[in-house]
């Protein structure tokens, strides 16, 4: 028998280090916030960009409303470190006309929409990573 969506969501959050900070632990303790992550898991299973984006925005809005906007980092990580993220990017190949060919390998067959979802989450993660990690760990002291 498979795990419930709640246990899968919990395990993924554990994998992203939510237990490493008191703020991160809120994703497990705050029932509403945790259910927003479950909604994000459901949206990811649909492999539909708009549903994933809406779920992440709901997490961002709720995290901001409780004074912990840095918790949105876990939503970006949840999506970015998914199957839509390349397992490996091979080195760039420079083409004769001056262009570049990029070759990426994935863990399993992925759709263009899954690649777009992971790329979007990667941009968000890269944009906020340093400041949000700083906010997560500064609150530990």
N, C-alpha and C. Protein backbone atom coordinates (compact mmCIF):
# COMPACT_ATOMS: atom_id res chain seq x y z
N UNK A 1 0.84 -1.18 0.00
CA UNK A 1 0.00 0.00 0.00
C UNK A 1 0.89 1.24 0.00
N UNK A 2 0.54 2.25 -0.80
CA UNK A 2 1.33 3.46 -0.90
C UNK A 2 1.09 4.41 0.25
N UNK A 3 1.98 5.35 0.36
CA UNK A 3 1.85 6.37 1.40
C UNK A 3 0.76 7.36 1.04
N UNK A 4 0.22 8.02 2.04
CA UNK A 4 -0.78 9.04 1.79
C UNK A 4 -0.10 10.30 1.25
N UNK A 5 -0.88 11.15 0.62
CA UNK A 5 -0.34 12.39 0.09
C UNK A 5 0.23 13.26 1.22
N UNK A 6 -0.34 13.13 2.41
CA UNK A 6 0.14 13.89 3.56
C UNK A 6 1.53 13.42 3.99
N UNK A 7 1.72 12.11 4.00
CA UNK A 7 3.03 11.57 4.36
C UNK A 7 4.07 11.88 3.29
N UNK A 8 3.68 11.79 2.03
CA UNK A 8 4.60 12.12 0.93
C UNK A 8 5.02 13.59 1.03
N UNK A 9 4.06 14.46 1.27
CA UNK A 9 4.35 15.89 1.41
C UNK A 9 5.28 16.12 2.59
N UNK A 10 4.97 15.50 3.69
CA UNK A 10 5.80 15.62 4.90
C UNK A 10 7.24 15.15 4.63
N UNK A 11 7.38 14.02 3.97
CA UNK A 11 8.71 13.48 3.67
C UNK A 11 9.50 14.41 2.75
N UNK A 12 8.81 14.99 1.76
CA UNK A 12 9.49 15.92 0.86
C UNK A 12 9.94 17.17 1.62
N UNK A 13 9.10 17.66 2.51
CA UNK A 13 9.48 18.82 3.32
C UNK A 13 10.67 18.48 4.21
N UNK A 14 10.67 17.29 4.78
CA UNK A 14 11.83 16.84 5.58
C UNK A 14 13.08 16.88 4.72
N UNK A 15 12.96 16.39 3.49
CA UNK A 15 14.09 16.36 2.58
C UNK A 15 14.63 17.73 2.23
N UNK A 16 13.78 18.74 2.35
CA UNK A 16 14.19 20.11 2.06
C UNK A 16 14.66 20.85 3.31
N UNK A 17 14.74 20.14 4.42
CA UNK A 17 15.34 20.70 5.62
C UNK A 17 14.45 21.54 6.50
N UNK A 18 13.15 21.31 6.46
CA UNK A 18 12.26 22.14 7.29
C UNK A 18 12.51 21.96 8.78
N UNK A 19 13.06 20.83 9.18
CA UNK A 19 13.31 20.59 10.61
C UNK A 19 14.58 21.28 11.11
N UNK A 20 15.34 21.89 10.20
CA UNK A 20 16.61 22.50 10.58
C UNK A 20 16.47 23.87 11.25
N UNK A 21 15.30 24.49 11.13
CA UNK A 21 15.09 25.80 11.75
C UNK A 21 13.71 25.84 12.41
N UNK A 22 13.57 26.71 13.38
CA UNK A 22 12.26 26.83 14.04
C UNK A 22 11.22 27.37 13.06
N UNK A 23 11.62 28.30 12.19
CA UNK A 23 10.68 28.80 11.18
C UNK A 23 10.28 27.68 10.23
N UNK A 24 11.25 26.88 9.83
CA UNK A 24 10.95 25.79 8.92
C UNK A 24 9.98 24.79 9.52
N UNK A 25 10.09 24.57 10.81
CA UNK A 25 9.19 23.63 11.49
C UNK A 25 7.74 24.09 11.42
N UNK A 26 7.53 25.38 11.19
CA UNK A 26 6.15 25.88 11.05
C UNK A 26 5.42 25.23 9.89
N UNK A 27 6.15 24.80 8.87
CA UNK A 27 5.49 24.16 7.73
C UNK A 27 4.83 22.85 8.14
N UNK A 28 5.29 22.28 9.23
CA UNK A 28 4.71 21.03 9.73
C UNK A 28 3.71 21.28 10.85
N UNK A 29 3.94 22.31 11.64
CA UNK A 29 3.12 22.59 12.82
C UNK A 29 1.85 23.36 12.45
N UNK A 30 2.00 24.36 11.59
CA UNK A 30 0.86 25.19 11.19
C UNK A 30 0.00 24.39 10.21
N UNK A 31 -1.16 23.99 10.66
CA UNK A 31 -2.03 23.12 9.87
C UNK A 31 -2.39 23.73 8.51
N UNK A 32 -2.72 25.01 8.51
CA UNK A 32 -3.11 25.67 7.25
C UNK A 32 -1.93 25.70 6.28
N UNK A 33 -0.75 26.01 6.79
CA UNK A 33 0.43 26.06 5.93
C UNK A 33 0.75 24.68 5.37
N UNK A 34 0.68 23.67 6.22
CA UNK A 34 0.95 22.31 5.75
C UNK A 34 -0.04 21.90 4.66
N UNK A 35 -1.31 22.24 4.86
CA UNK A 35 -2.32 21.89 3.85
C UNK A 35 -2.09 22.62 2.54
N UNK A 36 -1.49 23.81 2.60
CA UNK A 36 -1.13 24.51 1.36
C UNK A 36 -0.02 23.76 0.62
N UNK A 37 0.88 23.14 1.37
CA UNK A 37 1.92 22.31 0.73
C UNK A 37 1.31 21.03 0.15
N UNK A 38 0.31 20.49 0.80
CA UNK A 38 -0.40 19.33 0.24
C UNK A 38 -1.06 19.73 -1.07
N UNK A 39 -1.66 20.92 -1.08
CA UNK A 39 -2.26 21.43 -2.32
C UNK A 39 -1.20 21.59 -3.40
N UNK A 40 -0.01 22.03 -3.02
CA UNK A 40 1.10 22.14 -3.98
C UNK A 40 1.48 20.77 -4.52
N UNK A 41 1.52 19.77 -3.67
CA UNK A 41 1.82 18.40 -4.12
C UNK A 41 0.77 17.93 -5.13
N UNK A 42 -0.49 18.21 -4.84
CA UNK A 42 -1.56 17.82 -5.78
C UNK A 42 -1.40 18.55 -7.11
N UNK A 43 -1.07 19.82 -7.05
CA UNK A 43 -0.88 20.61 -8.28
C UNK A 43 0.28 20.06 -9.09
N UNK A 44 1.35 19.68 -8.42
CA UNK A 44 2.50 19.12 -9.14
C UNK A 44 2.14 17.82 -9.84
N UNK A 45 1.30 17.04 -9.21
CA UNK A 45 0.89 15.78 -9.82
C UNK A 45 0.09 16.01 -11.10
N UNK A 46 -0.61 17.14 -11.16
CA UNK A 46 -1.37 17.48 -12.37
C UNK A 46 -0.45 17.89 -13.52
N UNK A 47 0.76 18.33 -13.17
CA UNK A 47 1.75 18.78 -14.16
C UNK A 47 1.20 19.93 -14.99
N UNK A 48 0.52 20.85 -14.29
CA UNK A 48 -0.11 22.00 -14.93
C UNK A 48 0.47 23.26 -14.32
N UNK A 49 1.16 24.04 -15.13
CA UNK A 49 1.90 25.20 -14.66
C UNK A 49 1.05 26.16 -13.83
N UNK A 50 -0.12 26.50 -14.33
CA UNK A 50 -0.96 27.48 -13.62
C UNK A 50 -1.38 26.99 -12.24
N UNK A 51 -1.65 25.70 -12.11
CA UNK A 51 -2.04 25.14 -10.81
C UNK A 51 -0.87 25.19 -9.83
N UNK A 52 0.32 24.85 -10.30
CA UNK A 52 1.51 24.89 -9.44
C UNK A 52 1.81 26.33 -9.03
N UNK A 53 1.76 27.23 -9.98
CA UNK A 53 2.04 28.64 -9.69
C UNK A 53 1.03 29.19 -8.68
N UNK A 54 -0.24 28.86 -8.83
CA UNK A 54 -1.27 29.32 -7.90
C UNK A 54 -1.03 28.76 -6.50
N UNK A 55 -0.63 27.49 -6.42
CA UNK A 55 -0.36 26.88 -5.11
C UNK A 55 0.84 27.55 -4.44
N UNK A 56 1.87 27.84 -5.21
CA UNK A 56 3.04 28.52 -4.65
C UNK A 56 2.66 29.93 -4.20
N UNK A 57 1.87 30.64 -5.00
CA UNK A 57 1.44 31.98 -4.61
C UNK A 57 0.60 31.96 -3.33
N UNK A 58 -0.20 30.94 -3.16
CA UNK A 58 -1.00 30.81 -1.93
C UNK A 58 -0.08 30.63 -0.72
N UNK A 59 0.97 29.84 -0.88
CA UNK A 59 1.95 29.66 0.20
C UNK A 59 2.67 30.96 0.48
N UNK A 60 3.08 31.67 -0.57
CA UNK A 60 3.75 32.96 -0.40
C UNK A 60 2.85 33.95 0.36
N UNK A 61 1.59 34.03 -0.03
CA UNK A 61 0.66 34.96 0.61
C UNK A 61 0.44 34.61 2.07
N UNK A 62 0.24 33.33 2.36
CA UNK A 62 0.01 32.93 3.74
C UNK A 62 1.27 33.15 4.59
N UNK A 63 2.42 32.79 4.06
CA UNK A 63 3.67 32.98 4.79
C UNK A 63 3.88 34.46 5.12
N UNK A 64 3.57 35.30 4.17
CA UNK A 64 3.70 36.76 4.39
C UNK A 64 2.70 37.22 5.45
N UNK A 65 1.48 36.66 5.42
CA UNK A 65 0.44 37.08 6.37
C UNK A 65 0.79 36.71 7.81
N UNK A 66 1.60 35.67 8.00
CA UNK A 66 2.00 35.29 9.36
C UNK A 66 3.38 35.87 9.72
N UNK A 67 3.88 36.75 8.87
CA UNK A 67 5.14 37.43 9.15
C UNK A 67 6.37 36.57 8.89
N UNK A 68 6.24 35.54 8.07
CA UNK A 68 7.36 34.64 7.75
C UNK A 68 7.49 34.45 6.24
N UNK A 69 7.69 35.54 5.49
CA UNK A 69 7.76 35.40 4.02
C UNK A 69 8.86 34.46 3.55
N UNK A 70 9.89 34.27 4.39
CA UNK A 70 10.99 33.40 4.02
C UNK A 70 10.57 31.93 3.87
N UNK A 71 9.42 31.58 4.43
CA UNK A 71 8.94 30.20 4.29
C UNK A 71 8.58 29.85 2.85
N UNK A 72 8.38 30.86 2.01
CA UNK A 72 8.11 30.60 0.60
C UNK A 72 9.28 29.88 -0.05
N UNK A 73 10.48 30.01 0.53
CA UNK A 73 11.65 29.31 0.00
C UNK A 73 11.39 27.81 -0.08
N UNK A 74 10.68 27.26 0.91
CA UNK A 74 10.41 25.83 0.90
C UNK A 74 9.47 25.45 -0.25
N UNK A 75 8.58 26.35 -0.64
CA UNK A 75 7.71 26.09 -1.79
C UNK A 75 8.53 26.06 -3.07
N UNK A 76 9.46 27.01 -3.21
CA UNK A 76 10.31 27.03 -4.41
C UNK A 76 11.16 25.76 -4.46
N UNK A 77 11.71 25.36 -3.31
CA UNK A 77 12.52 24.15 -3.26
C UNK A 77 11.67 22.92 -3.57
N UNK A 78 10.45 22.89 -3.06
CA UNK A 78 9.55 21.76 -3.26
C UNK A 78 9.34 21.51 -4.75
N UNK A 79 9.18 22.60 -5.50
CA UNK A 79 8.94 22.48 -6.93
C UNK A 79 10.25 22.30 -7.69
N UNK A 80 11.24 23.10 -7.35
CA UNK A 80 12.50 23.10 -8.11
C UNK A 80 13.21 21.75 -8.04
N UNK A 81 13.25 21.14 -6.88
CA UNK A 81 13.93 19.87 -6.72
C UNK A 81 12.97 18.71 -6.99
N UNK A 82 12.30 18.79 -8.13
CA UNK A 82 11.34 17.77 -8.52
C UNK A 82 11.90 17.01 -9.73
N UNK A 83 11.08 16.13 -10.26
CA UNK A 83 11.50 15.35 -11.42
C UNK A 83 11.66 16.20 -12.67
N UNK A 84 11.09 17.39 -12.68
CA UNK A 84 11.23 18.27 -13.84
C UNK A 84 12.57 18.98 -13.91
N UNK A 85 13.33 18.86 -12.84
CA UNK A 85 14.65 19.48 -12.79
C UNK A 85 15.66 18.50 -13.39
N UNK A 86 16.54 18.99 -14.23
CA UNK A 86 17.51 18.07 -14.85
C UNK A 86 18.37 17.36 -13.81
N UNK A 87 18.61 16.08 -14.06
CA UNK A 87 19.52 15.31 -13.22
C UNK A 87 20.94 15.79 -13.48
N UNK A 88 21.20 16.12 -14.74
CA UNK A 88 22.54 16.53 -15.11
C UNK A 88 22.46 17.42 -16.34
N UNK A 89 23.25 18.45 -16.36
CA UNK A 89 23.38 19.26 -17.56
C UNK A 89 24.76 19.01 -18.12
N UNK A 90 24.78 18.48 -19.31
CA UNK A 90 26.07 18.22 -19.94
C UNK A 90 26.67 19.54 -20.40
N UNK A 91 27.94 19.54 -20.64
CA UNK A 91 28.60 20.79 -21.04
C UNK A 91 28.01 21.32 -22.34
N UNK A 92 28.07 22.63 -22.47
CA UNK A 92 27.53 23.30 -23.65
C UNK A 92 28.36 22.95 -24.89
N UNK A 93 27.67 22.83 -25.99
CA UNK A 93 28.34 22.58 -27.26
C UNK A 93 28.19 23.83 -28.12
N UNK A 94 29.30 24.45 -28.49
CA UNK A 94 29.27 25.65 -29.31
C UNK A 94 29.09 25.22 -30.77
N UNK A 95 28.12 25.83 -31.41
CA UNK A 95 27.80 25.49 -32.79
C UNK A 95 28.55 26.40 -33.75
N UNK A 96 28.64 25.99 -35.01
CA UNK A 96 29.39 26.75 -36.01
C UNK A 96 28.89 28.18 -36.16
N UNK A 97 27.60 28.39 -36.11
CA UNK A 97 27.03 29.72 -36.30
C UNK A 97 27.15 30.61 -35.08
N UNK A 98 27.81 30.14 -34.03
CA UNK A 98 27.97 30.93 -32.81
C UNK A 98 26.95 30.60 -31.74
N UNK A 99 25.97 29.78 -32.05
CA UNK A 99 24.97 29.39 -31.07
C UNK A 99 25.51 28.36 -30.10
N UNK A 100 24.69 27.97 -29.16
CA UNK A 100 25.08 27.00 -28.15
C UNK A 100 23.98 25.95 -28.04
N UNK A 101 24.39 24.70 -27.96
CA UNK A 101 23.45 23.60 -27.73
C UNK A 101 23.62 23.14 -26.28
N UNK A 102 22.52 23.13 -25.55
CA UNK A 102 22.53 22.67 -24.17
C UNK A 102 21.84 21.32 -24.11
N UNK A 103 22.47 20.36 -23.47
CA UNK A 103 21.91 19.02 -23.36
C UNK A 103 21.68 18.73 -21.88
N UNK A 104 20.45 18.33 -21.55
CA UNK A 104 20.08 18.04 -20.16
C UNK A 104 19.53 16.63 -20.08
N UNK A 105 19.82 15.97 -18.97
CA UNK A 105 19.30 14.63 -18.73
C UNK A 105 18.35 14.67 -17.53
N UNK A 106 17.25 13.93 -17.64
CA UNK A 106 16.24 13.88 -16.59
C UNK A 106 16.14 12.47 -16.02
N UNK A 107 15.60 12.35 -14.81
CA UNK A 107 15.47 11.06 -14.14
C UNK A 107 14.46 10.15 -14.83
N UNK A 108 13.51 10.76 -15.50
CA UNK A 108 12.43 10.03 -16.17
C UNK A 108 11.94 10.90 -17.32
N UNK A 109 11.10 10.36 -18.20
CA UNK A 109 10.55 11.21 -19.26
C UNK A 109 9.73 12.36 -18.65
N UNK A 110 9.97 13.57 -19.09
CA UNK A 110 9.24 14.73 -18.57
C UNK A 110 8.60 15.50 -19.73
N UNK A 111 7.52 16.18 -19.40
CA UNK A 111 6.83 16.99 -20.40
C UNK A 111 7.45 18.38 -20.45
N UNK A 112 7.15 19.08 -21.51
CA UNK A 112 7.64 20.47 -21.61
C UNK A 112 7.09 21.32 -20.47
N UNK A 113 5.86 21.05 -20.07
CA UNK A 113 5.25 21.82 -18.98
C UNK A 113 5.98 21.56 -17.66
N UNK A 114 6.38 20.32 -17.40
CA UNK A 114 7.14 20.01 -16.19
C UNK A 114 8.49 20.73 -16.19
N UNK A 115 9.12 20.78 -17.35
CA UNK A 115 10.40 21.49 -17.47
C UNK A 115 10.20 22.97 -17.20
N UNK A 116 9.12 23.53 -17.74
CA UNK A 116 8.82 24.95 -17.53
C UNK A 116 8.53 25.24 -16.05
N UNK A 117 7.81 24.36 -15.39
CA UNK A 117 7.49 24.52 -13.96
C UNK A 117 8.78 24.53 -13.15
N UNK A 118 9.65 23.56 -13.40
CA UNK A 118 10.91 23.48 -12.65
C UNK A 118 11.80 24.68 -12.95
N UNK A 119 11.82 25.13 -14.19
CA UNK A 119 12.64 26.30 -14.55
C UNK A 119 12.13 27.55 -13.83
N UNK A 120 10.82 27.73 -13.79
CA UNK A 120 10.22 28.87 -13.09
C UNK A 120 10.58 28.83 -11.60
N UNK A 121 10.43 27.66 -10.99
CA UNK A 121 10.76 27.52 -9.57
C UNK A 121 12.25 27.76 -9.35
N UNK A 122 13.08 27.34 -10.28
CA UNK A 122 14.52 27.57 -10.17
C UNK A 122 14.87 29.05 -10.19
N UNK A 123 14.19 29.81 -11.02
CA UNK A 123 14.41 31.26 -11.07
C UNK A 123 14.00 31.88 -9.74
N UNK A 124 12.84 31.49 -9.22
CA UNK A 124 12.38 32.03 -7.93
C UNK A 124 13.34 31.63 -6.81
N UNK A 125 13.76 30.37 -6.80
CA UNK A 125 14.67 29.88 -5.77
C UNK A 125 15.99 30.65 -5.82
N UNK A 126 16.56 30.80 -7.00
CA UNK A 126 17.83 31.53 -7.14
C UNK A 126 17.70 32.99 -6.73
N UNK A 127 16.55 33.57 -7.01
CA UNK A 127 16.34 34.99 -6.70
C UNK A 127 16.29 35.26 -5.19
N UNK A 128 15.66 34.36 -4.45
CA UNK A 128 15.42 34.60 -3.02
C UNK A 128 16.25 33.74 -2.08
N UNK A 129 16.99 32.78 -2.60
CA UNK A 129 17.69 31.80 -1.79
C UNK A 129 18.52 32.43 -0.67
N UNK A 130 19.44 33.30 -1.00
CA UNK A 130 20.36 33.83 0.00
C UNK A 130 19.65 34.62 1.10
N UNK A 131 18.75 35.52 0.71
CA UNK A 131 18.09 36.35 1.72
C UNK A 131 17.12 35.53 2.57
N UNK A 132 16.41 34.58 1.96
CA UNK A 132 15.47 33.78 2.73
C UNK A 132 16.19 32.80 3.65
N UNK A 133 17.28 32.19 3.19
CA UNK A 133 18.06 31.31 4.08
C UNK A 133 18.61 32.12 5.24
N UNK A 134 19.07 33.33 4.95
CA UNK A 134 19.59 34.19 6.02
C UNK A 134 18.48 34.46 7.05
N UNK A 135 17.28 34.79 6.57
CA UNK A 135 16.16 35.06 7.47
C UNK A 135 15.79 33.82 8.28
N UNK A 136 15.85 32.64 7.66
CA UNK A 136 15.54 31.41 8.38
C UNK A 136 16.52 31.15 9.51
N UNK A 137 17.80 31.35 9.23
CA UNK A 137 18.83 31.02 10.22
C UNK A 137 19.08 32.14 11.22
N UNK A 138 18.80 33.38 10.87
CA UNK A 138 18.98 34.49 11.81
C UNK A 138 17.96 34.38 12.94
N UNK A 139 16.78 33.83 12.62
CA UNK A 139 15.74 33.68 13.65
C UNK A 139 16.06 32.56 14.63
N UNK A 140 17.07 31.76 14.35
CA UNK A 140 17.49 30.69 15.25
C UNK A 140 18.20 31.25 16.47
N UNK A 141 18.78 32.42 16.34
CA UNK A 141 19.62 32.97 17.42
C UNK A 141 18.84 33.80 18.39
